[in-house]
Protein backbone atom coordinates (compact mmCIF):
# COMPACT_ATOMS: atom_id res chain seq x y z
CA MET A 1 -0.01 0.11 -0.08
CA ASN A 2 1.47 3.36 -0.78
CA THR A 3 1.68 6.24 1.71
CA PHE A 4 2.09 9.99 0.97
CA GLN A 5 2.94 12.78 2.91
CA TYR A 6 1.23 16.19 2.24
CA GLN A 7 1.18 19.73 4.07
CA VAL A 8 -1.71 21.82 4.15
CA ALA A 9 -1.25 24.76 2.15
CA SER A 10 -4.28 26.59 2.77
CA ILE A 11 -7.56 26.43 3.99
CA ASP A 12 -10.84 27.39 2.08
CA GLY A 13 -13.84 26.73 3.75
CA ASP A 14 -14.81 23.27 3.71
CA TYR A 15 -11.78 21.96 1.73
CA ALA A 16 -8.05 22.18 2.10
CA ASN A 17 -5.31 22.47 -0.51
CA LEU A 18 -2.60 20.03 0.20
CA LYS A 19 0.81 20.24 -1.11
CA ARG A 20 2.70 16.98 -1.54
CA ILE A 21 6.22 17.12 0.28
CA ASP A 22 7.55 13.47 0.06
CA ALA A 23 7.86 13.93 -3.83
CA GLN A 24 8.52 17.05 -6.11
CA GLU A 25 4.97 17.73 -7.29
CA ASP A 26 3.83 21.54 -8.09
CA ASP A 27 0.00 20.48 -8.30
CA LEU A 28 -2.09 21.01 -5.05
CA LYS A 29 -4.64 18.53 -4.18
CA LEU A 30 -8.01 19.55 -3.02
CA VAL A 31 -10.07 17.62 -0.25
CA ALA A 32 -12.79 17.84 1.74
CA ARG A 33 -11.89 19.12 5.29
CA ALA A 34 -14.67 15.96 6.74
CA LEU A 35 -11.66 13.74 5.61
CA LEU A 36 -8.94 15.14 7.48
CA PRO A 37 -8.49 15.44 11.36
CA PRO A 38 -10.20 18.22 12.66
CA GLU A 39 -7.43 19.85 14.32
CA ILE A 40 -5.61 20.75 11.00
CA THR A 41 -4.31 24.34 10.39
CA GLU A 42 -2.24 25.61 7.52
CA GLY A 43 1.35 24.10 7.71
CA THR A 44 0.03 21.00 9.27
CA LYS A 45 1.88 17.96 7.68
CA LEU A 46 -0.29 15.13 7.06
CA LEU A 47 0.28 11.20 6.61
CA TYR A 48 -2.16 9.61 3.99
CA GLU A 49 -2.12 5.58 4.12
CA MET A 50 -4.75 3.03 3.79
CA MET A 51 -7.42 5.78 2.84
CA GLN A 52 -6.98 7.69 5.89
CA TYR A 53 -5.05 10.88 6.62
CA SER A 54 -3.69 11.40 9.90
CA ILE A 55 -1.41 13.93 11.66
CA LEU A 56 2.35 13.36 10.82
CA GLU A 57 4.26 13.45 14.16
CA GLU A 58 7.92 14.78 13.82
């Protein structure tokens, strides 16, 4: 199963724009905030695996 790392680039109402940080990619991914942990803010790093987002602890 693939895992991806993202950073919350911006929050716009019920959606968040995510930027991939584990690979070189210029596009942002628009994701419904209902699919993300409720405590996210701009700059929060996320881990996506097994079709779920979780906050990436560093």
